[in-house]
Amino acid sequence: MCKDECSPHCVNKQSCDHESGACEGGCTNGWIGERCTEACSNGTFGEGCKLKCGHCYGNSACDHVNGSCVSGCASGWTGTVCNKKCPAGYFGIMCKDRCSPNCRNPLTCDHETGRCEDGCTDGWIGEKCTEECGSGYFGKGCENTCGRCSNNDVCNHVDGSCPDSCSAGWKGPDCKDGKLSDFLYYIVHLLH
């Protein structure tokens, strides 16, 4: 009785098979099936559902027609379909966070987490290189111990220098050169 209409998702909305209703010119973006009545699913979108969704926030699905993420992009991703990593030096949701300036190379932190991929500059530790060396330590990986600073001051966490001067009997840029070796220094102080 010719009472059924062609699917609105046929490429040419007026043209479908007069008996079966199959879309003769194919389907518009986001639709599949003989009659173009099935929306893309399983993380796909676009023409023939051949394109994969990007990295949507919360692993939510993208729009089956244009691939946009309704909930926005996941951490570390950007672009109209959330398929581009954050630009160098940035990370996180909407790529709005900057990599730490304490990363050995601040342009190569992880685009999702901000972890410094090349490690930290001297005096800094932690995944994002945001923590200073603990009291009494300095340098690369906070592996060096401070020298003998006057007034029991703590040395600079980056280069080991003392804020004022060295304790009596000690000298050098990090107050580790003295008349007594470290070993003898500890023995003398243990005996007193």
N, C-alpha and C. Protein backbone atom coordinates (compact mmCIF):
# COMPACT_ATOMS: atom_id res chain seq x y z
N MET A 1 0.83 -1.20 0.00
CA MET A 1 0.00 0.00 0.00
C MET A 1 0.87 1.27 0.00
N CYS A 2 2.22 1.10 -0.04
CA CYS A 2 3.14 2.25 -0.08
C CYS A 2 2.92 3.21 1.08
N LYS A 3 2.56 2.66 2.25
CA LYS A 3 2.30 3.53 3.40
C LYS A 3 3.55 3.80 4.23
N ASP A 4 4.66 3.01 4.07
CA ASP A 4 5.89 3.22 4.84
C ASP A 4 6.78 4.22 4.13
N GLU A 5 7.47 5.01 4.92
CA GLU A 5 8.40 5.99 4.37
C GLU A 5 9.82 5.46 4.44
N CYS A 6 10.67 5.96 3.56
CA CYS A 6 12.10 5.63 3.62
C CYS A 6 12.65 6.20 4.92
N SER A 7 13.68 5.54 5.46
CA SER A 7 14.30 6.00 6.70
C SER A 7 14.85 7.42 6.53
N PRO A 8 14.70 8.26 7.54
CA PRO A 8 15.28 9.61 7.46
C PRO A 8 16.81 9.56 7.48
N HIS A 9 17.37 8.37 7.72
CA HIS A 9 18.82 8.24 7.78
C HIS A 9 19.40 7.68 6.48
N CYS A 10 18.56 7.54 5.44
CA CYS A 10 19.08 7.20 4.11
C CYS A 10 19.83 8.42 3.59
N VAL A 11 20.93 8.21 2.85
CA VAL A 11 21.68 9.33 2.30
C VAL A 11 20.76 10.23 1.50
N ASN A 12 19.98 9.65 0.65
CA ASN A 12 18.98 10.42 -0.09
C ASN A 12 17.64 10.03 0.51
N LYS A 13 17.10 10.86 1.38
CA LYS A 13 15.91 10.52 2.17
C LYS A 13 14.72 10.08 1.33
N GLN A 14 14.70 10.46 0.11
CA GLN A 14 13.57 10.11 -0.75
C GLN A 14 13.78 8.79 -1.48
N SER A 15 14.99 8.22 -1.38
CA SER A 15 15.31 7.08 -2.23
C SER A 15 15.61 5.83 -1.42
N CYS A 16 14.67 4.88 -1.43
CA CYS A 16 14.91 3.56 -0.87
C CYS A 16 14.20 2.56 -1.77
N ASP A 17 14.57 1.31 -1.60
CA ASP A 17 13.96 0.27 -2.43
C ASP A 17 12.45 0.27 -2.19
N HIS A 18 11.68 0.27 -3.27
CA HIS A 18 10.22 0.38 -3.15
C HIS A 18 9.56 -0.83 -2.50
N GLU A 19 10.27 -1.97 -2.44
CA GLU A 19 9.70 -3.15 -1.79
C GLU A 19 10.24 -3.36 -0.38
N SER A 20 11.59 -3.36 -0.24
CA SER A 20 12.20 -3.69 1.06
C SER A 20 12.45 -2.48 1.95
N GLY A 21 12.53 -1.31 1.37
CA GLY A 21 12.84 -0.11 2.15
C GLY A 21 14.33 0.10 2.35
N ALA A 22 15.17 -0.76 1.73
CA ALA A 22 16.63 -0.62 1.86
C ALA A 22 17.08 0.71 1.25
N CYS A 23 17.96 1.39 1.95
CA CYS A 23 18.47 2.68 1.47
C CYS A 23 19.42 2.42 0.30
N GLU A 24 19.08 2.92 -0.85
CA GLU A 24 19.85 2.64 -2.06
C GLU A 24 21.18 3.40 -2.09
N GLY A 25 21.25 4.57 -1.50
CA GLY A 25 22.48 5.36 -1.52
C GLY A 25 23.33 5.19 -0.27
N GLY A 26 22.95 4.28 0.61
CA GLY A 26 23.67 4.09 1.87
C GLY A 26 23.07 4.92 2.99
N CYS A 27 23.75 4.89 4.13
CA CYS A 27 23.25 5.55 5.33
C CYS A 27 24.01 6.84 5.61
N THR A 28 23.37 7.75 6.32
CA THR A 28 24.05 8.95 6.79
C THR A 28 24.98 8.56 7.95
N ASN A 29 25.88 9.45 8.31
CA ASN A 29 26.84 9.17 9.39
C ASN A 29 26.13 8.75 10.67
N GLY A 30 26.66 7.70 11.27
CA GLY A 30 26.14 7.23 12.55
C GLY A 30 25.09 6.16 12.47
N TRP A 31 24.72 5.75 11.25
CA TRP A 31 23.65 4.77 11.08
C TRP A 31 24.11 3.65 10.16
N ILE A 32 23.63 2.43 10.46
CA ILE A 32 23.94 1.26 9.64
C ILE A 32 22.69 0.41 9.48
N GLY A 33 22.84 -0.66 8.73
CA GLY A 33 21.73 -1.58 8.49
C GLY A 33 21.15 -1.34 7.11
N GLU A 34 20.43 -2.32 6.63
CA GLU A 34 19.83 -2.23 5.30
C GLU A 34 18.92 -1.01 5.16
N ARG A 35 18.17 -0.73 6.22
CA ARG A 35 17.25 0.41 6.19
C ARG A 35 17.78 1.62 6.96
N CYS A 36 19.03 1.51 7.41
CA CYS A 36 19.67 2.62 8.15
C CYS A 36 18.90 2.98 9.41
N THR A 37 18.51 1.97 10.15
CA THR A 37 17.74 2.21 11.38
C THR A 37 18.53 1.86 12.63
N GLU A 38 19.76 1.37 12.49
CA GLU A 38 20.57 0.99 13.63
C GLU A 38 21.68 2.02 13.85
N ALA A 39 21.71 2.57 15.05
CA ALA A 39 22.75 3.55 15.39
C ALA A 39 24.07 2.81 15.65
N CYS A 40 25.18 3.49 15.37
CA CYS A 40 26.49 2.91 15.68
C CYS A 40 26.54 2.58 17.17
N SER A 41 27.27 1.56 17.52
CA SER A 41 27.42 1.17 18.92
C SER A 41 28.84 0.66 19.14
N ASN A 42 29.10 0.15 20.32
CA ASN A 42 30.40 -0.42 20.67
C ASN A 42 31.56 0.55 20.43
N GLY A 43 31.35 1.82 20.75
CA GLY A 43 32.43 2.79 20.65
C GLY A 43 32.79 3.20 19.24
N THR A 44 31.83 3.18 18.34
CA THR A 44 32.09 3.59 16.96
C THR A 44 31.16 4.74 16.57
N PHE A 45 31.53 5.42 15.48
CA PHE A 45 30.70 6.52 14.98
C PHE A 45 31.02 6.77 13.51
N GLY A 46 30.26 7.68 12.92
CA GLY A 46 30.54 8.16 11.58
C GLY A 46 30.03 7.27 10.47
N GLU A 47 30.54 7.50 9.27
CA GLU A 47 30.11 6.78 8.08
C GLU A 47 30.38 5.29 8.22
N GLY A 48 29.33 4.50 8.12
CA GLY A 48 29.45 3.04 8.23
C GLY A 48 29.95 2.56 9.57
N CYS A 49 29.93 3.44 10.58
CA CYS A 49 30.41 3.10 11.94
C CYS A 49 31.85 2.59 11.90
N LYS A 50 32.66 3.15 11.03
CA LYS A 50 34.04 2.69 10.85
C LYS A 50 35.03 3.41 11.75
N LEU A 51 34.64 4.52 12.35
CA LEU A 51 35.56 5.29 13.19
C LEU A 51 35.37 4.92 14.65
N LYS A 52 36.48 4.86 15.40
CA LYS A 52 36.41 4.52 16.82
C LYS A 52 36.34 5.79 17.65
N CYS A 53 35.54 5.74 18.71
CA CYS A 53 35.43 6.87 19.63
C CYS A 53 36.80 7.15 20.24
N GLY A 54 36.99 8.40 20.62
CA GLY A 54 38.22 8.80 21.31
C GLY A 54 38.17 8.42 22.77
N HIS A 55 38.88 9.16 23.58
CA HIS A 55 38.99 8.89 25.02
C HIS A 55 38.03 9.80 25.78
N CYS A 56 36.80 9.34 25.92
CA CYS A 56 35.77 10.12 26.60
C CYS A 56 35.91 9.98 28.11
N TYR A 57 35.56 11.04 28.83
CA TYR A 57 35.62 11.04 30.29
C TYR A 57 34.76 9.92 30.86
N GLY A 58 35.30 9.19 31.82
CA GLY A 58 34.57 8.11 32.46
C GLY A 58 34.26 6.95 31.54
N ASN A 59 35.02 6.82 30.46
CA ASN A 59 34.80 5.76 29.46
C ASN A 59 33.39 5.77 28.91
N SER A 60 32.77 6.95 28.90
CA SER A 60 31.41 7.04 28.34
C SER A 60 31.48 6.95 26.82
N ALA A 61 30.35 6.66 26.22
CA ALA A 61 30.28 6.52 24.76
C ALA A 61 30.32 7.90 24.11
N CYS A 62 30.74 7.90 22.87
CA CYS A 62 30.74 9.16 22.12
C CYS A 62 29.44 9.24 21.30
N ASP A 63 29.17 10.41 20.77
CA ASP A 63 28.01 10.60 19.91
C ASP A 63 28.18 9.72 18.67
N HIS A 64 27.18 8.92 18.34
CA HIS A 64 27.31 7.95 17.25
C HIS A 64 27.37 8.60 15.87
N VAL A 65 27.00 9.88 15.78
CA VAL A 65 27.04 10.56 14.48
C VAL A 65 28.38 11.26 14.26
N ASN A 66 28.79 12.15 15.21
CA ASN A 66 29.98 12.95 14.99
C ASN A 66 31.18 12.60 15.87
N GLY A 67 31.01 11.67 16.82
CA GLY A 67 32.13 11.21 17.65
C GLY A 67 32.48 12.09 18.82
N SER A 68 31.75 13.18 19.03
CA SER A 68 32.07 14.06 20.17
C SER A 68 31.71 13.36 21.48
N CYS A 69 32.48 13.69 22.51
CA CYS A 69 32.24 13.11 23.83
C CYS A 69 31.32 14.04 24.62
N VAL A 70 30.14 13.58 24.90
CA VAL A 70 29.15 14.38 25.61
C VAL A 70 29.66 14.78 26.99
N SER A 71 30.39 13.87 27.65
CA SER A 71 30.89 14.13 29.00
C SER A 71 32.25 14.82 28.99
N GLY A 72 32.79 15.12 27.82
CA GLY A 72 34.12 15.73 27.73
C GLY A 72 35.20 14.67 27.58
N CYS A 73 36.43 15.12 27.45
CA CYS A 73 37.56 14.20 27.23
C CYS A 73 38.10 13.68 28.55
N ALA A 74 38.65 12.49 28.50
CA ALA A 74 39.33 11.90 29.66
C ALA A 74 40.62 12.67 29.91
N SER A 75 41.18 12.50 31.08
CA SER A 75 42.43 13.15 31.44
C SER A 75 43.52 12.84 30.42
N GLY A 76 44.16 13.89 29.91
CA GLY A 76 45.27 13.72 28.98
C GLY A 76 44.90 13.78 27.52
N TRP A 77 43.61 13.99 27.22
CA TRP A 77 43.16 13.97 25.82
C TRP A 77 42.39 15.24 25.47
N THR A 78 42.45 15.60 24.21
CA THR A 78 41.78 16.81 23.73
C THR A 78 41.34 16.60 22.29
N GLY A 79 40.77 17.61 21.68
CA GLY A 79 40.30 17.53 20.30
C GLY A 79 38.80 17.37 20.25
N THR A 80 38.22 17.57 19.08
CA THR A 80 36.77 17.50 18.96
C THR A 80 36.23 16.10 19.23
N VAL A 81 37.05 15.07 19.00
CA VAL A 81 36.62 13.70 19.30
C VAL A 81 37.54 13.04 20.34
N CYS A 82 38.27 13.86 21.09
CA CYS A 82 39.10 13.39 22.21
C CYS A 82 40.10 12.31 21.79
N ASN A 83 40.74 12.53 20.66
CA ASN A 83 41.70 11.53 20.19
C ASN A 83 43.12 12.09 20.05
N LYS A 84 43.35 13.29 20.59
CA LYS A 84 44.68 13.90 20.54
C LYS A 84 45.22 14.04 21.95
N LYS A 85 46.49 13.65 22.13
CA LYS A 85 47.13 13.82 23.43
C LYS A 85 47.28 15.30 23.72
N CYS A 86 47.38 15.63 25.01
CA CYS A 86 47.64 17.03 25.38
C CYS A 86 48.92 17.49 24.71
N PRO A 87 49.02 18.78 24.40
CA PRO A 87 50.27 19.28 23.81
C PRO A 87 51.42 19.16 24.81
N ALA A 88 52.63 19.13 24.29
CA ALA A 88 53.83 19.00 25.13
C ALA A 88 53.80 20.04 26.24
N GLY A 89 54.09 19.58 27.46
CA GLY A 89 54.14 20.47 28.61
C GLY A 89 52.83 20.58 29.38
N TYR A 90 51.79 19.89 28.93
CA TYR A 90 50.48 19.96 29.59
C TYR A 90 49.94 18.55 29.85
N PHE A 91 49.03 18.45 30.83
CA PHE A 91 48.41 17.16 31.14
C PHE A 91 47.07 17.40 31.82
N GLY A 92 46.35 16.30 32.04
CA GLY A 92 45.13 16.33 32.85
C GLY A 92 43.86 16.63 32.09
N ILE A 93 42.78 16.85 32.86
CA ILE A 93 41.46 17.14 32.31
C ILE A 93 41.54 18.46 31.53
N MET A 94 41.08 18.42 30.31
CA MET A 94 41.09 19.56 29.40
C MET A 94 42.51 20.10 29.15
N CYS A 95 43.52 19.30 29.50
CA CYS A 95 44.93 19.67 29.28
C CYS A 95 45.25 21.03 29.90
N LYS A 96 44.62 21.34 31.04
CA LYS A 96 44.82 22.66 31.63
C LYS A 96 45.97 22.70 32.63
N ASP A 97 46.49 21.55 33.04
CA ASP A 97 47.59 21.52 34.01
C ASP A 97 48.93 21.52 33.29
N ARG A 98 49.87 22.28 33.83
CA ARG A 98 51.23 22.35 33.25
C ARG A 98 52.12 21.34 33.96
N CYS A 99 53.03 20.75 33.19
CA CYS A 99 54.02 19.86 33.78
C CYS A 99 54.86 20.67 34.76
N SER A 100 55.36 20.01 35.78
CA SER A 100 56.15 20.70 36.80
C SER A 100 57.43 21.28 36.19
N PRO A 101 57.79 22.50 36.57
CA PRO A 101 59.05 23.06 36.10
C PRO A 101 60.24 22.32 36.69
N ASN A 102 59.98 21.44 37.68
CA ASN A 102 61.05 20.67 38.30
C ASN A 102 61.28 19.33 37.60
N CYS A 103 60.51 19.05 36.53
CA CYS A 103 60.80 17.87 35.72
C CYS A 103 62.13 18.12 35.01
N ARG A 104 62.92 17.10 34.86
CA ARG A 104 64.19 17.26 34.14
C ARG A 104 63.93 17.84 32.75
N ASN A 105 62.86 17.40 32.11
CA ASN A 105 62.41 17.99 30.85
C ASN A 105 60.92 18.28 31.00
N PRO A 106 60.55 19.53 31.32
CA PRO A 106 59.15 19.85 31.59
C PRO A 106 58.21 19.70 30.39
N LEU A 107 58.75 19.39 29.23
CA LEU A 107 57.88 19.18 28.07
C LEU A 107 57.54 17.71 27.86
N THR A 108 58.07 16.83 28.71
CA THR A 108 57.81 15.41 28.51
C THR A 108 57.17 14.72 29.70
N CYS A 109 56.30 15.40 30.41
CA CYS A 109 55.59 14.69 31.48
C CYS A 109 54.46 13.88 30.84
N ASP A 110 53.98 12.87 31.56
CA ASP A 110 52.91 12.02 31.06
C ASP A 110 51.67 12.86 30.82
N HIS A 111 51.07 12.76 29.62
CA HIS A 111 49.93 13.61 29.25
C HIS A 111 48.67 13.35 30.08
N GLU A 112 48.60 12.20 30.75
CA GLU A 112 47.42 11.90 31.57
C GLU A 112 47.64 12.25 33.03
N THR A 113 48.81 11.84 33.59
CA THR A 113 49.03 11.97 35.03
C THR A 113 49.95 13.11 35.44
N GLY A 114 50.79 13.60 34.53
CA GLY A 114 51.76 14.64 34.87
C GLY A 114 53.06 14.09 35.43
N ARG A 115 53.21 12.75 35.47
CA ARG A 115 54.45 12.15 35.98
C ARG A 115 55.61 12.58 35.08
N CYS A 116 56.70 13.01 35.70
CA CYS A 116 57.89 13.45 34.95
C CYS A 116 58.59 12.23 34.38
N GLU A 117 58.55 12.08 33.07
CA GLU A 117 59.07 10.88 32.41
C GLU A 117 60.59 10.80 32.42
N ASP A 118 61.28 11.94 32.48
CA ASP A 118 62.75 11.94 32.49
C ASP A 118 63.32 12.18 33.87
N GLY A 119 62.49 12.07 34.90
CA GLY A 119 62.97 12.28 36.26
C GLY A 119 62.92 13.75 36.66
N CYS A 120 63.47 14.03 37.83
CA CYS A 120 63.41 15.37 38.42
C CYS A 120 64.75 16.08 38.33
N THR A 121 64.69 17.41 38.39
CA THR A 121 65.91 18.18 38.50
C THR A 121 66.44 18.01 39.92
N ASP A 122 67.68 18.41 40.15
CA ASP A 122 68.30 18.27 41.46
C ASP A 122 67.47 18.95 42.54
N GLY A 123 67.31 18.27 43.66
CA GLY A 123 66.60 18.83 44.80
C GLY A 123 65.13 18.50 44.87
N TRP A 124 64.61 17.75 43.89
CA TRP A 124 63.18 17.47 43.84
C TRP A 124 62.94 15.97 43.66
N ILE A 125 61.85 15.48 44.25
CA ILE A 125 61.47 14.07 44.13
C ILE A 125 59.96 13.97 43.96
N GLY A 126 59.49 12.75 43.79
CA GLY A 126 58.07 12.47 43.61
C GLY A 126 57.75 12.27 42.14
N GLU A 127 56.62 11.64 41.86
CA GLU A 127 56.22 11.38 40.47
C GLU A 127 56.14 12.64 39.63
N LYS A 128 55.63 13.71 40.23
CA LYS A 128 55.49 14.97 39.50
C LYS A 128 56.58 15.97 39.86
N CYS A 129 57.58 15.51 40.62
CA CYS A 129 58.71 16.36 41.03
C CYS A 129 58.25 17.63 41.74
N THR A 130 57.31 17.48 42.65
CA THR A 130 56.79 18.64 43.37
C THR A 130 57.20 18.63 44.84
N GLU A 131 57.96 17.62 45.25
CA GLU A 131 58.38 17.53 46.65
C GLU A 131 59.87 17.85 46.76
N GLU A 132 60.22 18.78 47.68
CA GLU A 132 61.62 19.08 47.94
C GLU A 132 62.26 17.91 48.67
N CYS A 133 63.58 17.80 48.56
CA CYS A 133 64.30 16.79 49.34
C CYS A 133 63.98 16.99 50.82
N GLY A 134 63.97 15.90 51.55
CA GLY A 134 63.74 15.99 52.99
C GLY A 134 64.87 16.72 53.68
N SER A 135 64.62 17.17 54.87
CA SER A 135 65.60 17.92 55.66
C SER A 135 66.90 17.14 55.79
N GLY A 136 67.99 17.78 55.42
CA GLY A 136 69.31 17.15 55.53
C GLY A 136 69.78 16.48 54.25
N TYR A 137 68.99 16.55 53.20
CA TYR A 137 69.36 15.91 51.92
C TYR A 137 69.26 16.91 50.79
N PHE A 138 70.03 16.64 49.71
CA PHE A 138 69.99 17.53 48.55
C PHE A 138 70.45 16.79 47.30
N GLY A 139 70.29 17.46 46.16
CA GLY A 139 70.84 16.98 44.90
C GLY A 139 69.95 16.01 44.15
N LYS A 140 70.56 15.35 43.16
CA LYS A 140 69.85 14.41 42.29
C LYS A 140 69.27 13.26 43.11
N GLY A 141 67.98 13.09 43.02
CA GLY A 141 67.31 12.02 43.73
C GLY A 141 67.37 12.16 45.24
N CYS A 142 67.80 13.32 45.73
CA CYS A 142 67.93 13.59 47.17
C CYS A 142 68.84 12.57 47.83
N GLU A 143 69.88 12.15 47.11
CA GLU A 143 70.78 11.10 47.60
C GLU A 143 71.96 11.64 48.40
N ASN A 144 72.21 12.94 48.35
CA ASN A 144 73.36 13.52 49.06
C ASN A 144 72.93 14.05 50.42
N THR A 145 73.81 13.92 51.39
CA THR A 145 73.51 14.46 52.71
C THR A 145 74.18 15.82 52.87
N CYS A 146 73.56 16.67 53.66
CA CYS A 146 74.08 18.01 53.89
C CYS A 146 75.37 17.94 54.69
N GLY A 147 76.18 18.98 54.51
CA GLY A 147 77.43 19.11 55.28
C GLY A 147 77.14 19.73 56.64
N ARG A 148 78.17 20.35 57.21
CA ARG A 148 78.07 20.92 58.56
C ARG A 148 77.79 22.42 58.47
N CYS A 149 76.53 22.77 58.47
CA CYS A 149 76.12 24.18 58.41
C CYS A 149 76.16 24.77 59.81
N SER A 150 76.47 26.07 59.90
CA SER A 150 76.48 26.73 61.21
C SER A 150 75.06 26.78 61.77
N ASN A 151 74.99 26.87 63.07
CA ASN A 151 73.71 26.97 63.79
C ASN A 151 72.76 25.81 63.49
N ASN A 152 73.32 24.67 63.08
CA ASN A 152 72.53 23.49 62.72
C ASN A 152 71.50 23.80 61.63
N ASP A 153 71.81 24.79 60.79
CA ASP A 153 70.93 25.11 59.67
C ASP A 153 70.88 23.94 58.70
N VAL A 154 69.79 23.85 57.96
CA VAL A 154 69.63 22.82 56.95
C VAL A 154 70.14 23.39 55.62
N CYS A 155 70.84 22.56 54.87
CA CYS A 155 71.40 23.03 53.61
C CYS A 155 70.32 23.19 52.54
N ASN A 156 70.66 23.89 51.46
CA ASN A 156 69.78 24.08 50.33
C ASN A 156 69.48 22.73 49.69
N HIS A 157 68.22 22.46 49.42
CA HIS A 157 67.82 21.14 48.91
C HIS A 157 68.29 20.88 47.48
N VAL A 158 68.71 21.93 46.76
CA VAL A 158 69.16 21.75 45.39
C VAL A 158 70.66 21.51 45.31
N ASP A 159 71.46 22.43 45.89
CA ASP A 159 72.92 22.35 45.72
C ASP A 159 73.71 22.03 46.98
N GLY A 160 73.03 21.92 48.12
CA GLY A 160 73.71 21.55 49.36
C GLY A 160 74.41 22.69 50.07
N SER A 161 74.29 23.91 49.56
CA SER A 161 74.97 25.05 50.20
C SER A 161 74.27 25.40 51.51
N CYS A 162 75.05 25.95 52.44
CA CYS A 162 74.49 26.37 53.73
C CYS A 162 73.99 27.80 53.62
N PRO A 163 72.90 28.14 54.34
CA PRO A 163 72.32 29.47 54.22
C PRO A 163 73.25 30.59 54.71
N ASP A 164 73.98 30.33 55.78
CA ASP A 164 74.87 31.37 56.32
C ASP A 164 76.33 31.00 56.09
N SER A 165 76.79 30.02 56.82
CA SER A 165 78.19 29.61 56.72
C SER A 165 78.33 28.19 57.25
N CYS A 166 79.57 27.70 57.21
CA CYS A 166 79.86 26.36 57.71
C CYS A 166 80.12 26.42 59.22
N SER A 167 79.91 25.30 59.90
CA SER A 167 80.26 25.20 61.32
C SER A 167 81.77 25.31 61.44
N ALA A 168 82.23 25.66 62.64
CA ALA A 168 83.67 25.81 62.88
C ALA A 168 84.40 24.52 62.50
N GLY A 169 85.48 24.67 61.76
CA GLY A 169 86.29 23.52 61.36
C GLY A 169 85.88 22.92 60.03
N TRP A 170 84.83 23.46 59.40
CA TRP A 170 84.35 22.92 58.14
C TRP A 170 84.36 24.02 57.08
N LYS A 171 84.60 23.63 55.84
CA LYS A 171 84.65 24.60 54.75
C LYS A 171 84.21 23.92 53.45
N GLY A 172 84.22 24.69 52.38
CA GLY A 172 83.83 24.17 51.07
C GLY A 172 82.42 24.61 50.71
N PRO A 173 82.05 24.45 49.43
CA PRO A 173 80.72 24.90 48.99
C PRO A 173 79.57 24.18 49.69
N ASP A 174 79.82 22.96 50.15
CA ASP A 174 78.75 22.23 50.85
C ASP A 174 79.14 21.90 52.29
N CYS A 175 80.18 22.59 52.80
CA CYS A 175 80.63 22.44 54.20
C CYS A 175 80.96 21.00 54.57
N LYS A 176 81.60 20.29 53.65
CA LYS A 176 82.00 18.90 53.93
C LYS A 176 83.52 18.75 54.03
N ASP A 177 84.26 19.81 53.70
CA ASP A 177 85.72 19.74 53.81
C ASP A 177 86.13 20.26 55.17
N GLY A 178 86.89 19.48 55.90
CA GLY A 178 87.30 19.92 57.23
C GLY A 178 88.60 19.27 57.64
N LYS A 179 89.03 19.63 58.83
CA LYS A 179 90.27 19.08 59.37
C LYS A 179 90.08 17.62 59.74
N LEU A 180 88.88 17.27 60.14
CA LEU A 180 88.58 15.89 60.52
C LEU A 180 87.72 15.25 59.43
N SER A 181 87.91 14.01 59.19
CA SER A 181 87.03 13.32 58.25
C SER A 181 85.68 13.11 58.91
N ASP A 182 84.67 12.83 58.13
CA ASP A 182 83.34 12.58 58.69
C ASP A 182 83.38 11.47 59.73
N PHE A 183 84.12 10.43 59.45
CA PHE A 183 84.20 9.30 60.36
C PHE A 183 84.78 9.73 61.69
N LEU A 184 85.90 10.47 61.68
CA LEU A 184 86.50 10.93 62.93
C LEU A 184 85.60 11.94 63.63
N TYR A 185 84.91 12.77 62.87
CA TYR A 185 84.00 13.75 63.45
C TYR A 185 82.94 13.04 64.30
N TYR A 186 82.34 11.98 63.76
CA TYR A 186 81.32 11.25 64.50
C TYR A 186 81.90 10.56 65.72
N ILE A 187 83.08 10.01 65.61
CA ILE A 187 83.70 9.31 66.75
C ILE A 187 83.98 10.29 67.87
N VAL A 188 84.56 11.46 67.52
CA VAL A 188 84.87 12.47 68.53
C VAL A 188 83.60 12.91 69.24
N HIS A 189 82.52 13.13 68.49
CA HIS A 189 81.29 13.58 69.12
C HIS A 189 80.58 12.48 69.90
N LEU A 190 80.79 11.23 69.52
CA LEU A 190 80.20 10.13 70.28
C LEU A 190 80.91 9.96 71.63
N LEU A 191 82.20 10.23 71.64
CA LEU A 191 82.98 10.06 72.88
C LEU A 191 82.69 11.18 73.88
N HIS A 192 82.20 12.29 73.40
CA HIS A 192 81.94 13.41 74.34
C HIS A 192 80.58 13.30 74.88
